[in-house]
């Protein structure tokens, strides 16, 4: 989110990890692809990729290492297929450790697997019957795409010596015939009697609450899923009925000790397809390529490709990484709906999305059709608010929102527009909010009294989010020039979709004190204009109070110790108190500052010093 709570694009510099040495031996096209990497706790990078420059039977996945931040790479190991890595006859049909490697370092223990263990999930298979049949009929034949491998499944391996040696653990999920799949759906072999297209693909691992979670793409045929648990309902004739050519996104979990993984739970169902024979199946639009990233505010972001109209990349946000099925509908939301800074293009929509996180919580995104990556600098799912104002040009002064009335106008003194690119308090969110109806409990307030200001806020979007309601004040009749507006207080309000609340500010007249022409700190009678909104330039509601009575002179040393705070309360629709984000307390107390120093609202769930 470079400079603002949205995703900003950067252009990385590519370098070579591996180059095919014998393209003529490729058993498919392309044959060197799907690279994935992970960084070990000591800093070493490890990477793997599909290398189909050899026959399917006996194929291994290569592991490379880099100890110089990716500048150079050295071969470290070849990970064998389950048939050769295990003596258990149940795995004898998996003779190829084929493609889609996913490397993951365990952040904590999962059963018998210890923190720091390097895991590899990969797609394994039997022989490619289509390739074998074509070569038998014509030895000069060369492949132009994918073939038809048998017994496609996802396997799990582990390494405790930084990727030098590997142990086969188990099979995560099973499919059937490849049938050409996405690259050439329907390219089946004679051995594939029922012309099935039932592989499983694209594993993605996370550890969550003491269990390992494996997300993947599943081309088995499903009739639907349980609406409460998300468990998929398989077509009982999956292996023999005409194939749906659909695909869903699913996950399974494992405790690290038991023999089997959980039943598959759907994450993205896709559209419902009428098979024309009295049967409907899910998987339309072929959602694929799950990647999941945690956000710094405790939620989970899932991106995936999707081909049912709209963007070819979609996303979902969930409070629980095991219940994506319960949010975002059957197809999620277009990736272009995610906020980016003004003037930047939207996140790439071309398919094949990838998410990753950095150690400090930033979220990095890339997708097909783009040489750029987008970085969410805050890592939040809801966006943040800027504690500064960002100008639209280097010379377009002023760069503070606390300017005098004439300071914000373009005049003959300069040809540079002072309008900020991002005003003070600006921020974006993955949902929408409406701020309305600013009220004061009375319009006349003595210079030594406190009054109450309330404003309504509603989440008008389709997902939960946090809005920072900001209260500003303008003094239009002071004896010295005052800023056009100054921040009085703010409140971060966490609302579910459709919810609304009322924010109540308790403001003392002393907050309008300023230094007069004689150098005294005074509170003077006169009009004060209040405004509330989402930033210093987005203030949809206003109200006015009038300070009355004689002027008051304050001593600075007394003012620094005065116990008058702007007390902020958030009330729900029934008038009850709502907890405020970042605090277990019902009220947020903000210490007063000197009028000329009220210039930093801070992040939405970190109130200023003095919060109780």
Foldseek 3Di string as FASTA:
>chain_A
DVQFQFWDKDFDDDDDADDDDCCVQALFPPAWDQKEWDAAPVGKIKIWFFHRSHFQFFAWIWIWIDPPNPPYIDTQDTHFWCLVQDPDPVRVQFRGQGGQKYWDAACAAQAPRGHRKIKIKGKTFHGFQQSVVVCVVPVVDHYHHDGKTFWIFIWMWIDDPVPNDIHTDATAGTWGICCRAPNDHNRYHVVLVQSAHWHKANWDWDDDPSKIKIKTKTQFWFQAADLPQQFTHGDPCRSHPRGPSFIFIWMWIGRHPDHYIDGIGTQAFADWADPVPPGITTGPQRWGNWDKDAFPQQKIKIKTAGGDDDFRIAIAIGNDPSPNVNDQDNHHHQQQLGDDQPPDHGADRHGPKYWDADPVQKIWIHGPPDSIIIISPRRHQFKWFALWFAAPDPPLDDRGQFDFPVRQDDDPVDPHHNDTSAFGLDIGGSFDKDKDDWDKPDQEAALFFKTKIKIKMWTQGQFKHKAKKWKWKAAPDAPDTGGRIFTQAIAIDTDGHGWMKMKMKIGHSLLPWDQHPVRWTKRAWAKMKMFMDRGPVGTPDIDMHTHDDHMDTDDVVVLQVDPDWTKMAIAGPVRHFDDGALDPDRIFTARRDHRVPRRGCDINNDGDPPTD
